[in-house]
Amino acid sequence: MTIAAVKQKLHSYIDQANMDELEAICKLLEGNKGMSIDGETIAELDNRWNNYTSGTSKTYTLEEFSENIKSHRSNSSCLV
């Protein structure tokens, strides 16, 4: 799809959108402005991803995570 075709498709969506949809589109597009990630952060994310995919870092299933939270709450004075 060409950029002109994508723009035309977006114009069609915008012409038919209600106010909630238009606000959501604006928030989506504005949310990407000014966002940048420095090289150090990218290197750390790459390192974490490599550790995850190679199996060298510990990961938890949702069930394990939930059980850890329940266990922590029952063993502490946390009221949450």
Protein backbone atom coordinates (compact mmCIF):
# COMPACT_ATOMS: atom_id res chain seq x y z
CA MET A 1 0.00 0.00 0.00
CA THR A 2 1.34 3.40 -0.92
CA ILE A 3 1.53 6.32 1.48
CA ALA A 4 -1.18 8.08 -0.54
CA ALA A 5 -3.48 5.07 -0.16
CA VAL A 6 -2.85 4.92 3.58
CA LYS A 7 -3.59 8.64 3.94
CA GLN A 8 -6.80 8.25 1.94
CA LYS A 9 -7.87 5.33 4.12
CA LEU A 10 -7.17 7.34 7.28
CA HIS A 11 -9.12 10.30 5.91
CA SER A 12 -12.08 8.00 5.28
CA TYR A 13 -11.92 6.67 8.86
CA ILE A 14 -11.65 10.19 10.28
CA ASP A 15 -14.57 11.47 8.20
CA GLN A 16 -16.80 8.74 9.67
CA ALA A 17 -15.44 8.71 13.25
CA ASN A 18 -17.37 9.87 16.31
CA MET A 19 -15.85 12.19 18.93
CA ASP A 20 -14.53 9.36 21.15
CA GLU A 21 -12.78 7.75 18.20
CA LEU A 22 -11.29 11.07 17.10
CA GLU A 23 -9.97 11.75 20.62
CA ALA A 24 -8.45 8.26 20.74
CA ILE A 25 -6.73 8.82 17.40
CA CYS A 26 -5.34 12.16 18.60
CA LYS A 27 -4.04 10.62 21.83
CA LEU A 28 -2.42 7.78 19.90
CA LEU A 29 -0.66 10.13 17.50
CA GLU A 30 0.34 12.67 20.16
CA GLY A 31 1.64 9.96 22.44
CA ASN A 32 4.45 9.12 20.04
CA LYS A 33 5.81 12.67 19.80
CA GLY A 34 8.94 13.38 21.76
CA MET A 35 9.42 9.76 22.75
CA SER A 36 12.98 8.61 22.45
CA ILE A 37 15.01 5.83 23.97
CA ASP A 38 18.72 6.33 24.56
CA GLY A 39 21.37 3.82 23.59
CA GLU A 40 21.92 2.66 27.17
CA THR A 41 18.24 1.78 27.57
CA ILE A 42 18.18 -0.03 24.23
CA ALA A 43 21.27 -2.02 25.24
CA GLU A 44 19.62 -3.00 28.54
CA LEU A 45 16.41 -4.04 26.79
CA ASP A 46 18.43 -6.08 24.28
CA ASN A 47 20.32 -7.72 27.13
CA ARG A 48 17.11 -8.61 28.95
CA TRP A 49 15.53 -9.96 25.77
CA ASN A 50 18.61 -12.09 25.04
CA ASN A 51 18.57 -13.46 28.60
CA TYR A 52 14.88 -14.26 28.29
CA THR A 53 15.14 -15.98 24.92
CA SER A 54 18.23 -17.97 25.93
CA GLY A 55 16.58 -19.13 29.16
CA THR A 56 19.23 -17.62 31.44
CA SER A 57 16.81 -15.33 33.26
CA LYS A 58 14.07 -16.54 35.58
CA THR A 59 10.54 -15.94 34.36
CA TYR A 60 7.20 -16.60 36.02
CA THR A 61 3.82 -17.66 34.72
CA LEU A 62 0.81 -15.58 35.71
CA GLU A 63 -0.20 -18.32 38.14
CA GLU A 64 3.25 -18.37 39.78
CA PHE A 65 3.24 -14.59 40.03
CA SER A 66 -0.22 -14.59 41.65
CA GLU A 67 0.83 -17.26 44.14
CA ASN A 68 3.97 -15.30 45.05
CA ILE A 69 1.85 -12.24 45.75
CA LYS A 70 -0.63 -14.21 47.86
CA SER A 71 2.21 -15.80 49.80
CA HIS A 72 3.89 -12.45 50.40
CA ARG A 73 0.64 -10.89 51.57
CA SER A 74 -0.09 -13.71 53.99
CA ASN A 75 3.47 -13.57 55.42
CA SER A 76 3.59 -9.81 55.94
CA SER A 77 1.61 -7.07 57.54
CA CYS A 78 0.68 -5.68 54.14
CA LEU A 79 -2.98 -4.67 54.11
CA VAL A 80 -3.38 -4.56 50.35
